[in-house]
PDB file of all heavy atoms in Angstrom:
ATOM      1  N   GLU A   1      26.188  -0.603  38.439  1.00  0.00           N
ATOM      2  CA  GLU A   1      27.393  -1.192  37.680  1.00  0.00           C
ATOM      3  C   GLU A   1      27.303  -0.825  36.129  1.00  0.00           C
ATOM      4  O   GLU A   1      28.084  -1.364  35.350  1.00  0.00           O
ATOM      5  CB  GLU A   1      27.354  -2.694  37.891  1.00  0.00           C
ATOM      6  CG  GLU A   1      27.485  -3.130  39.326  1.00  0.00           C
ATOM      7  CD  GLU A   1      28.654  -2.626  40.037  1.00  0.00           C
ATOM      8  OE1 GLU A   1      29.736  -2.616  39.361  1.00  0.00           O
ATOM      9  OE2 GLU A   1      28.522  -2.065  41.175  1.00  0.00           O
ATOM     10  N   LEU A   2      26.338  -0.050  35.753  1.00  0.00           N
ATOM     11  CA  LEU A   2      26.112   0.322  34.363  1.00  0.00           C
ATOM     12  C   LEU A   2      27.393   0.955  33.727  1.00  0.00           C
ATOM     13  O   LEU A   2      28.026   1.719  34.411  1.00  0.00           O
ATOM     14  CB  LEU A   2      25.006   1.238  34.199  1.00  0.00           C
ATOM     15  CG  LEU A   2      24.455   1.457  32.808  1.00  0.00           C
ATOM     16  CD1 LEU A   2      23.791   0.167  32.241  1.00  0.00           C
ATOM     17  CD2 LEU A   2      23.346   2.541  32.816  1.00  0.00           C
ATOM     18  N   THR A   3      27.809   0.449  32.576  1.00  0.00           N
ATOM     19  CA  THR A   3      29.044   1.005  31.916  1.00  0.00           C
ATOM     20  C   THR A   3      28.654   1.946  30.701  1.00  0.00           C
ATOM     21  O   THR A   3      27.532   1.713  30.229  1.00  0.00           O
ATOM     22  CB  THR A   3      29.956  -0.109  31.410  1.00  0.00           C
ATOM     23  OG1 THR A   3      29.191  -0.977  30.526  1.00  0.00           O
ATOM     24  CG2 THR A   3      30.394  -0.962  32.599  1.00  0.00           C
ATOM     25  N   SER A   4      29.469   2.759  30.320  1.00  0.00           N
ATOM     26  CA  SER A   4      29.268   3.566  29.192  1.00  0.00           C
ATOM     27  C   SER A   4      30.279   3.337  28.105  1.00  0.00           C
ATOM     28  O   SER A   4      31.364   2.853  28.402  1.00  0.00           O
ATOM     29  CB  SER A   4      29.215   5.092  29.557  1.00  0.00           C
ATOM     30  OG  SER A   4      30.461   5.518  29.950  1.00  0.00           O
ATOM     31  N   ARG A   5      29.961   3.674  26.924  1.00  0.00           N
ATOM     32  CA  ARG A   5      30.895   3.536  25.786  1.00  0.00           C
ATOM     33  C   ARG A   5      31.070   4.833  25.073  1.00  0.00           C
ATOM     34  O   ARG A   5      30.116   5.581  24.854  1.00  0.00           O
ATOM     35  CB  ARG A   5      30.417   2.456  24.820  1.00  0.00           C
ATOM     36  CG  ARG A   5      31.322   2.177  23.601  1.00  0.00           C
ATOM     37  CD  ARG A   5      30.783   1.027  22.793  1.00  0.00           C
ATOM     38  NE  ARG A   5      31.517   0.849  21.597  1.00  0.00           N
ATOM     39  CZ  ARG A   5      31.311  -0.039  20.682  1.00  0.00           C
ATOM     40  NH1 ARG A   5      30.280  -0.803  20.692  1.00  0.00           N
ATOM     41  NH2 ARG A   5      32.055  -0.056  19.561  1.00  0.00           N
ATOM     42  N   PHE A   6      32.288   5.206  24.714  1.00  0.00           N
ATOM     43  CA  PHE A   6      32.571   6.438  24.027  1.00  0.00           C
ATOM     44  C   PHE A   6      32.634   6.279  22.587  1.00  0.00           C
ATOM     45  O   PHE A   6      33.219   5.324  22.083  1.00  0.00           O
ATOM     46  CB  PHE A   6      33.908   6.992  24.514  1.00  0.00           C
ATOM     47  CG  PHE A   6      34.322   8.297  23.906  1.00  0.00           C
ATOM     48  CD1 PHE A   6      33.886   9.422  24.342  1.00  0.00           C
ATOM     49  CD2 PHE A   6      35.279   8.224  22.812  1.00  0.00           C
ATOM     50  CE1 PHE A   6      34.321  10.664  23.701  1.00  0.00           C
ATOM     51  CE2 PHE A   6      35.715   9.392  22.215  1.00  0.00           C
ATOM     52  CZ  PHE A   6      35.191  10.626  22.652  1.00  0.00           C
ATOM     53  N   PHE A   7      32.032   7.241  21.875  1.00  0.00           N
ATOM     54  CA  PHE A   7      32.098   7.266  20.408  1.00  0.00           C
ATOM     55  C   PHE A   7      32.592   8.718  19.998  1.00  0.00           C
ATOM     56  O   PHE A   7      32.008   9.670  20.498  1.00  0.00           O
ATOM     57  CB  PHE A   7      30.771   7.040  19.790  1.00  0.00           C
ATOM     58  CG  PHE A   7      30.184   5.628  19.849  1.00  0.00           C
ATOM     59  CD1 PHE A   7      29.486   5.203  21.003  1.00  0.00           C
ATOM     60  CD2 PHE A   7      30.512   4.716  18.894  1.00  0.00           C
ATOM     61  CE1 PHE A   7      29.086   3.862  21.159  1.00  0.00           C
ATOM     62  CE2 PHE A   7      30.021   3.392  18.992  1.00  0.00           C
ATOM     63  CZ  PHE A   7      29.314   2.977  20.152  1.00  0.00           C
ATOM     64  N   SER A   8      33.641   8.741  19.145  1.00  0.00           N
ATOM     65  CA  SER A   8      34.090  10.101  18.828  1.00  0.00           C
ATOM     66  C   SER A   8      33.240  10.601  17.688  1.00  0.00           C
ATOM     67  O   SER A   8      32.582   9.888  16.999  1.00  0.00           O
ATOM     68  CB  SER A   8      35.527   9.888  18.358  1.00  0.00           C
ATOM     69  OG  SER A   8      35.717   9.008  17.302  1.00  0.00           O
ATOM     70  N   ALA A   9      33.370  11.876  17.410  1.00  0.00           N
ATOM     71  CA  ALA A   9      32.577  12.613  16.407  1.00  0.00           C
ATOM     72  C   ALA A   9      32.874  11.962  15.082  1.00  0.00           C
ATOM     73  O   ALA A   9      34.012  11.746  14.712  1.00  0.00           O
ATOM     74  CB  ALA A   9      32.914  14.063  16.393  1.00  0.00           C
ATOM     75  N   GLY A  10      31.785  11.707  14.377  1.00  0.00           N
ATOM     76  CA  GLY A  10      31.953  11.163  12.999  1.00  0.00           C
ATOM     77  C   GLY A  10      31.853   9.520  13.037  1.00  0.00           C
ATOM     78  O   GLY A  10      31.678   8.981  11.938  1.00  0.00           O
ATOM     79  N   GLU A  11      31.944   9.014  14.154  1.00  0.00           N
ATOM     80  CA  GLU A  11      31.862   7.477  14.298  1.00  0.00           C
ATOM     81  C   GLU A  11      30.467   6.994  14.126  1.00  0.00           C
ATOM     82  O   GLU A  11      29.520   7.547  14.789  1.00  0.00           O
ATOM     83  CB  GLU A  11      32.609   7.129  15.582  1.00  0.00           C
ATOM     84  CG  GLU A  11      32.793   5.536  15.633  1.00  0.00           C
ATOM     85  CD  GLU A  11      33.512   5.144  16.927  1.00  0.00           C
ATOM     86  OE1 GLU A  11      34.021   6.103  17.719  1.00  0.00           O
ATOM     87  OE2 GLU A  11      33.699   3.989  17.169  1.00  0.00           O
ATOM     88  N   THR A  12      30.307   5.879  13.417  1.00  0.00           N
ATOM     89  CA  THR A  12      28.980   5.287  13.263  1.00  0.00           C
ATOM     90  C   THR A  12      28.787   4.336  14.533  1.00  0.00           C
ATOM     91  O   THR A  12      29.612   3.563  14.826  1.00  0.00           O
ATOM     92  CB  THR A  12      28.889   4.410  11.959  1.00  0.00           C
ATOM     93  OG1 THR A  12      29.071   5.330  10.898  1.00  0.00           O
ATOM     94  CG2 THR A  12      27.543   3.729  11.870  1.00  0.00           C
ATOM     95  N   ILE A  13      27.600   4.559  15.094  1.00  0.00           N
ATOM     96  CA  ILE A  13      27.267   3.814  16.322  1.00  0.00           C
ATOM     97  C   ILE A  13      26.423   2.520  15.892  1.00  0.00           C
ATOM     98  O   ILE A  13      26.785   1.377  16.413  1.00  0.00           O
ATOM     99  CB  ILE A  13      26.430   4.635  17.231  1.00  0.00           C
ATOM    100  CG1 ILE A  13      27.182   5.819  17.638  1.00  0.00           C
ATOM    101  CG2 ILE A  13      25.929   3.829  18.464  1.00  0.00           C
ATOM    102  CD1 ILE A  13      26.370   6.953  18.288  1.00  0.00           C
ATOM    103  N   LEU A  14      25.529   2.652  15.007  1.00  0.00           N
ATOM    104  CA  LEU A  14      24.699   1.558  14.553  1.00  0.00           C
ATOM    105  C   LEU A  14      24.541   1.747  13.063  1.00  0.00           C
ATOM    106  O   LEU A  14      24.276   2.863  12.547  1.00  0.00           O
ATOM    107  CB  LEU A  14      23.369   1.461  15.281  1.00  0.00           C
ATOM    108  CG  LEU A  14      23.335   1.048  16.767  1.00  0.00           C
ATOM    109  CD1 LEU A  14      22.014   1.323  17.335  1.00  0.00           C
ATOM    110  CD2 LEU A  14      23.850  -0.320  16.947  1.00  0.00           C
ATOM    111  N   TYR A  15      24.438   0.645  12.390  1.00  0.00           N
ATOM    112  CA  TYR A  15      24.167   0.640  10.908  1.00  0.00           C
ATOM    113  C   TYR A  15      22.709   0.209  10.659  1.00  0.00           C
ATOM    114  O   TYR A  15      22.187  -0.575  11.316  1.00  0.00           O
ATOM    115  CB  TYR A  15      25.093  -0.270  10.178  1.00  0.00           C
ATOM    116  CG  TYR A  15      26.576   0.172  10.168  1.00  0.00           C
ATOM    117  CD1 TYR A  15      27.409  -0.125  11.171  1.00  0.00           C
ATOM    118  CD2 TYR A  15      26.999   0.965   9.084  1.00  0.00           C
ATOM    119  CE1 TYR A  15      28.701   0.237  11.184  1.00  0.00           C
ATOM    120  CE2 TYR A  15      28.367   1.286   9.044  1.00  0.00           C
ATOM    121  CZ  TYR A  15      29.243   1.000  10.077  1.00  0.00           C
ATOM    122  OH  TYR A  15      30.476   1.486  10.012  1.00  0.00           O
ATOM    123  N   GLN A  16      22.152   0.730   9.598  1.00  0.00           N
ATOM    124  CA  GLN A  16      20.843   0.332   9.169  1.00  0.00           C
ATOM    125  C   GLN A  16      20.839  -1.171   8.879  1.00  0.00           C
ATOM    126  O   GLN A  16      21.659  -1.732   8.299  1.00  0.00           O
ATOM    127  CB  GLN A  16      20.432   1.045   7.930  1.00  0.00           C
ATOM    128  CG  GLN A  16      18.969   0.847   7.520  1.00  0.00           C
ATOM    129  CD  GLN A  16      18.584   1.719   6.271  1.00  0.00           C
ATOM    130  OE1 GLN A  16      19.320   1.771   5.334  1.00  0.00           O
ATOM    131  NE2 GLN A  16      17.483   2.407   6.391  1.00  0.00           N
ATOM    132  N   GLY A  17      19.795  -1.935   9.496  1.00  0.00           N
ATOM    133  CA  GLY A  17      19.744  -3.292   9.272  1.00  0.00           C
ATOM    134  C   GLY A  17      20.576  -4.155  10.263  1.00  0.00           C
ATOM    135  O   GLY A  17      20.552  -5.413  10.251  1.00  0.00           O
ATOM    136  N   GLU A  18      21.255  -3.430  11.152  1.00  0.00           N
ATOM    137  CA  GLU A  18      22.117  -4.194  12.082  1.00  0.00           C
ATOM    138  C   GLU A  18      21.252  -4.732  13.262  1.00  0.00           C
ATOM    139  O   GLU A  18      20.280  -4.071  13.612  1.00  0.00           O
ATOM    140  CB  GLU A  18      23.210  -3.227  12.656  1.00  0.00           C
ATOM    141  CG  GLU A  18      24.104  -3.909  13.713  1.00  0.00           C
ATOM    142  CD  GLU A  18      25.153  -2.833  14.192  1.00  0.00           C
ATOM    143  OE1 GLU A  18      25.290  -1.752  13.611  1.00  0.00           O
ATOM    144  OE2 GLU A  18      25.777  -3.155  15.278  1.00  0.00           O
ATOM    145  N   LEU A  19      21.636  -5.949  13.767  1.00  0.00           N
ATOM    146  CA  LEU A  19      21.121  -6.433  14.995  1.00  0.00           C
ATOM    147  C   LEU A  19      21.918  -6.030  16.124  1.00  0.00           C
ATOM    148  O   LEU A  19      23.045  -6.556  16.298  1.00  0.00           O
ATOM    149  CB  LEU A  19      20.921  -7.972  14.846  1.00  0.00           C
ATOM    150  CG  LEU A  19      20.347  -8.767  16.146  1.00  0.00           C
ATOM    151  CD1 LEU A  19      18.903  -8.161  16.362  1.00  0.00           C
ATOM    152  CD2 LEU A  19      20.444 -10.229  15.959  1.00  0.00           C
ATOM    153  N   PRO A  20      21.459  -5.063  16.928  1.00  0.00           N
ATOM    154  CA  PRO A  20      22.320  -4.604  18.041  1.00  0.00           C
ATOM    155  C   PRO A  20      22.612  -5.723  19.027  1.00  0.00           C
ATOM    156  O   PRO A  20      21.788  -6.568  19.350  1.00  0.00           O
ATOM    157  CB  PRO A  20      21.446  -3.422  18.691  1.00  0.00           C
ATOM    158  CG  PRO A  20      20.547  -3.098  17.592  1.00  0.00           C
ATOM    159  CD  PRO A  20      20.203  -4.325  16.821  1.00  0.00           C
ATOM    160  N   ARG A  21      23.806  -5.684  19.661  1.00  0.00           N
ATOM    161  CA  ARG A  21      24.118  -6.604  20.779  1.00  0.00           C
ATOM    162  C   ARG A  21      23.671  -6.027  22.047  1.00  0.00           C
ATOM    163  O   ARG A  21      23.553  -6.861  22.992  1.00  0.00           O
ATOM    164  CB  ARG A  21      25.646  -6.744  20.722  1.00  0.00           C
ATOM    165  CG  ARG A  21      26.200  -7.508  19.548  1.00  0.00           C
ATOM    166  CD  ARG A  21      27.692  -7.586  19.565  1.00  0.00           C
ATOM    167  NE  ARG A  21      28.418  -6.201  19.529  1.00  0.00           N
ATOM    168  CZ  ARG A  21      29.702  -6.097  19.695  1.00  0.00           C
ATOM    169  NH1 ARG A  21      30.479  -7.019  19.785  1.00  0.00           N
ATOM    170  NH2 ARG A  21      30.154  -4.770  19.615  1.00  0.00           N
ATOM    171  N   THR A  22      23.389  -4.796  22.122  1.00  0.00           N
ATOM    172  CA  THR A  22      22.904  -4.178  23.478  1.00  0.00           C
ATOM    173  C   THR A  22      22.072  -2.926  23.112  1.00  0.00           C
ATOM    174  O   THR A  22      21.999  -2.465  22.035  1.00  0.00           O
ATOM    175  CB  THR A  22      24.156  -3.735  24.254  1.00  0.00           C
ATOM    176  OG1 THR A  22      23.679  -3.300  25.561  1.00  0.00           O
ATOM    177  CG2 THR A  22      24.963  -2.724  23.656  1.00  0.00           C
ATOM    178  N   ALA A  23      21.358  -2.475  24.131  1.00  0.00           N
ATOM    179  CA  ALA A  23      20.568  -1.209  24.018  1.00  0.00           C
ATOM    180  C   ALA A  23      21.541  -0.110  24.398  1.00  0.00           C
ATOM    181  O   ALA A  23      22.339  -0.233  25.286  1.00  0.00           O
ATOM    182  CB  ALA A  23      19.379  -1.262  24.827  1.00  0.00           C
ATOM    183  N   TYR A  24      21.306   0.981  23.798  1.00  0.00           N
ATOM    184  CA  TYR A  24      22.132   2.264  24.050  1.00  0.00           C
ATOM    185  C   TYR A  24      21.125   3.309  24.607  1.00  0.00           C
ATOM    186  O   TYR A  24      20.064   3.570  23.945  1.00  0.00           O
ATOM    187  CB  TYR A  24      22.795   2.778  22.876  1.00  0.00           C
ATOM    188  CG  TYR A  24      23.983   1.908  22.447  1.00  0.00           C
ATOM    189  CD1 TYR A  24      23.970   1.367  21.189  1.00  0.00           C
ATOM    190  CD2 TYR A  24      25.111   1.829  23.247  1.00  0.00           C
ATOM    191  CE1 TYR A  24      25.094   0.608  20.736  1.00  0.00           C
ATOM    192  CE2 TYR A  24      26.178   1.071  22.839  1.00  0.00           C
ATOM    193  CZ  TYR A  24      26.247   0.443  21.597  1.00  0.00           C
ATOM    194  OH  TYR A  24      27.274  -0.282  21.119  1.00  0.00           O
ATOM    195  N   VAL A  25      21.576   4.020  25.625  1.00  0.00           N
ATOM    196  CA  VAL A  25      20.892   5.258  26.129  1.00  0.00           C
ATOM    197  C   VAL A  25      21.841   6.336  26.076  1.00  0.00           C
ATOM    198  O   VAL A  25      23.051   6.145  26.701  1.00  0.00           O
ATOM    199  CB  VAL A  25      20.294   5.057  27.538  1.00  0.00           C
ATOM    200  CG1 VAL A  25      19.642   6.320  28.008  1.00  0.00           C
ATOM    201  CG2 VAL A  25      19.287   3.906  27.531  1.00  0.00           C
ATOM    202  N   VAL A  26      21.478   7.458  25.542  1.00  0.00           N
ATOM    203  CA  VAL A  26      22.459   8.628  25.366  1.00  0.00           C
ATOM    204  C   VAL A  26      22.720   9.247  26.722  1.00  0.00           C
ATOM    205  O   VAL A  26      21.852   9.722  27.333  1.00  0.00           O
ATOM    206  CB  VAL A  26      22.000   9.638  24.373  1.00  0.00           C
ATOM    207  CG1 VAL A  26      23.025  10.763  24.209  1.00  0.00           C
ATOM    208  CG2 VAL A  26      21.631   9.056  23.062  1.00  0.00           C
ATOM    209  N   LYS A  27      23.972   9.236  27.163  1.00  0.00           N
ATOM    210  CA  LYS A  27      24.404   9.921  28.371  1.00  0.00           C
ATOM    211  C   LYS A  27      24.753  11.257  28.082  1.00  0.00           C
ATOM    212  O   LYS A  27      24.348  12.233  28.774  1.00  0.00           O
ATOM    213  CB  LYS A  27      25.636   9.182  28.962  1.00  0.00           C
ATOM    214  CG  LYS A  27      26.149   9.811  30.215  1.00  0.00           C
ATOM    215  CD  LYS A  27      27.431   9.038  30.757  1.00  0.00           C
ATOM    216  CE  LYS A  27      28.016   9.696  31.937  1.00  0.00           C
ATOM    217  NZ  LYS A  27      29.260   9.034  32.357  1.00  0.00           N
ATOM    218  N   SER A  28      25.508  11.582  26.974  1.00  0.00           N
ATOM    219  CA  SER A  28      25.842  12.914  26.571  1.00  0.00           C
ATOM    220  C   SER A  28      26.199  12.890  25.091  1.00  0.00           C
ATOM    221  O   SER A  28      26.601  11.827  24.548  1.00  0.00           O
ATOM    222  CB  SER A  28      27.083  13.468  27.445  1.00  0.00           C
ATOM    223  OG  SER A  28      28.148  12.715  27.150  1.00  0.00           O
ATOM    224  N   GLY A  29      26.147  14.025  24.496  1.00  0.00           N
ATOM    225  CA  GLY A  29      26.482  14.110  23.050  1.00  0.00           C
ATOM    226  C   GLY A  29      25.304  14.287  22.106  1.00  0.00           C
ATOM    227  O   GLY A  29      24.165  14.325  22.620  1.00  0.00           O
ATOM    228  N   LEU A  30      25.580  14.302  20.834  1.00  0.00           N
ATOM    229  CA  LEU A  30      24.558  14.446  19.801  1.00  0.00           C
ATOM    230  C   LEU A  30      24.771  13.417  18.751  1.00  0.00           C
ATOM    231  O   LEU A  30      25.829  13.257  18.264  1.00  0.00           O
ATOM    232  CB  LEU A  30      24.652  15.893  19.274  1.00  0.00           C
ATOM    233  CG  LEU A  30      23.638  16.281  18.114  1.00  0.00           C
ATOM    234  CD1 LEU A  30      22.267  16.197  18.655  1.00  0.00           C
ATOM    235  CD2 LEU A  30      24.006  17.640  17.597  1.00  0.00           C
ATOM    236  N   ILE A  31      23.571  12.839  18.326  1.00  0.00           N
ATOM    237  CA  ILE A  31      23.695  11.765  17.377  1.00  0.00           C
ATOM    238  C   ILE A  31      22.744  12.009  16.220  1.00  0.00           C
ATOM    239  O   ILE A  31      21.590  12.528  16.449  1.00  0.00           O
ATOM    240  CB  ILE A  31      23.250  10.410  18.017  1.00  0.00           C
ATOM    241  CG1 ILE A  31      24.313  10.056  19.072  1.00  0.00           C
ATOM    242  CG2 ILE A  31      23.118   9.308  17.025  1.00  0.00           C
ATOM    243  CD1 ILE A  31      23.808   9.074  20.158  1.00  0.00           C
ATOM    244  N   LYS A  32      23.232  11.844  15.042  1.00  0.00           N
ATOM    245  CA  LYS A  32      22.397  12.015  13.779  1.00  0.00           C
ATOM    246  C   LYS A  32      21.824  10.635  13.363  1.00  0.00           C
ATOM    247  O   LYS A  32      22.487   9.629  13.314  1.00  0.00           O
ATOM    248  CB  LYS A  32      23.366  12.470  12.672  1.00  0.00           C
ATOM    249  CG  LYS A  32      22.673  12.658  11.291  1.00  0.00           C
ATOM    250  CD  LYS A  32      23.567  13.349  10.318  1.00  0.00           C
ATOM    251  CE  LYS A  32      24.703  12.441   9.924  1.00  0.00           C
ATOM    252  NZ  LYS A  32      25.558  13.075   8.852  1.00  0.00           N
ATOM    253  N   ILE A  33      20.492  10.683  13.157  1.00  0.00           N
ATOM    254  CA  ILE A  33      19.771   9.467  12.758  1.00  0.00           C
ATOM    255  C   ILE A  33      19.325   9.734  11.315  1.00  0.00           C
ATOM    256  O   ILE A  33      18.616  10.714  11.051  1.00  0.00           O
ATOM    257  CB  ILE A  33      18.556   9.241  13.663  1.00  0.00           C
ATOM    258  CG1 ILE A  33      19.004   9.242  15.126  1.00  0.00           C
ATOM    259  CG2 ILE A  33      17.819   7.959  13.308  1.00  0.00           C
ATOM    260  CD1 ILE A  33      17.807   9.269  16.076  1.00  0.00           C
ATOM    261  N   TYR A  34      19.832   8.855  10.451  1.00  0.00           N
ATOM    262  CA  TYR A  34      19.468   9.154   9.059  1.00  0.00           C
ATOM    263  C   TYR A  34      19.418   7.786   8.203  1.00  0.00           C
ATOM    264  O   TYR A  34      19.678   6.703   8.635  1.00  0.00           O
ATOM    265  CB  TYR A  34      20.642   9.932   8.433  1.00  0.00           C
ATOM    266  CG  TYR A  34      22.015   9.238   8.336  1.00  0.00           C
ATOM    267  CD1 TYR A  34      22.378   8.700   7.157  1.00  0.00           C
ATOM    268  CD2 TYR A  34      22.843   9.107   9.447  1.00  0.00           C
ATOM    269  CE1 TYR A  34      23.677   7.960   7.092  1.00  0.00           C
ATOM    270  CE2 TYR A  34      24.084   8.511   9.332  1.00  0.00           C
ATOM    271  CZ  TYR A  34      24.487   8.009   8.130  1.00  0.00           C
ATOM    272  OH  TYR A  34      25.709   7.325   8.113  1.00  0.00           O
ATOM    273  N   SER A  35      18.917   7.993   6.990  1.00  0.00           N
ATOM    274  CA  SER A  35      18.823   6.853   6.010  1.00  0.00           C
ATOM    275  C   SER A  35      19.502   7.343   4.815  1.00  0.00           C
ATOM    276  O   SER A  35      19.883   8.525   4.638  1.00  0.00           O
ATOM    277  CB  SER A  35      17.248   6.560   5.694  1.00  0.00           C
ATOM    278  OG  SER A  35      16.703   7.687   5.115  1.00  0.00           O
ATOM    279  N   ILE A  36      19.728   6.412   3.814  1.00  0.00           N
ATOM    280  CA  ILE A  36      20.393   6.677   2.484  1.00  0.00           C
ATOM    281  C   ILE A  36      19.366   6.257   1.471  1.00  0.00           C
ATOM    282  O   ILE A  36      18.935   5.072   1.435  1.00  0.00           O
ATOM    283  CB  ILE A  36      21.701   6.000   2.384  1.00  0.00           C
ATOM    284  CG1 ILE A  36      22.724   6.535   3.491  1.00  0.00           C
ATOM    285  CG2 ILE A  36      22.296   6.247   1.006  1.00  0.00           C
ATOM    286  CD1 ILE A  36      23.988   5.841   3.481  1.00  0.00           C
ATOM    287  N   SER A  37      19.076   7.130   0.569  1.00  0.00           N
ATOM    288  CA  SER A  37      18.179   6.827  -0.520  1.00  0.00           C
ATOM    289  C   SER A  37      18.735   5.976  -1.582  1.00  0.00           C
ATOM    290  O   SER A  37      19.940   5.743  -1.527  1.00  0.00           O
ATOM    291  CB  SER A  37      17.613   8.168  -1.158  1.00  0.00           C
ATOM    292  OG  SER A  37      18.701   8.685  -1.929  1.00  0.00           O
ATOM    293  N   VAL A  38      17.864   5.371  -2.491  1.00  0.00           N
ATOM    294  CA  VAL A  38      18.368   4.570  -3.542  1.00  0.00           C
ATOM    295  C   VAL A  38      19.394   5.289  -4.432  1.00  0.00           C
ATOM    296  O   VAL A  38      20.223   4.637  -5.098  1.00  0.00           O
ATOM    297  CB  VAL A  38      17.222   4.015  -4.429  1.00  0.00           C
ATOM    298  CG1 VAL A  38      16.383   3.065  -3.566  1.00  0.00           C
ATOM    299  CG2 VAL A  38      16.379   5.175  -4.988  1.00  0.00           C
TER     300      VAL A  38
END
């Protein structure tokens, strides 16, 4: 019964410091993981 969620290119999935409501496992696609300096 597992569901998936679609994110379009350029869309932010999670923000730094955010408390996620659920866990995400990548089904397909490519995700950039980054930080922002001072």
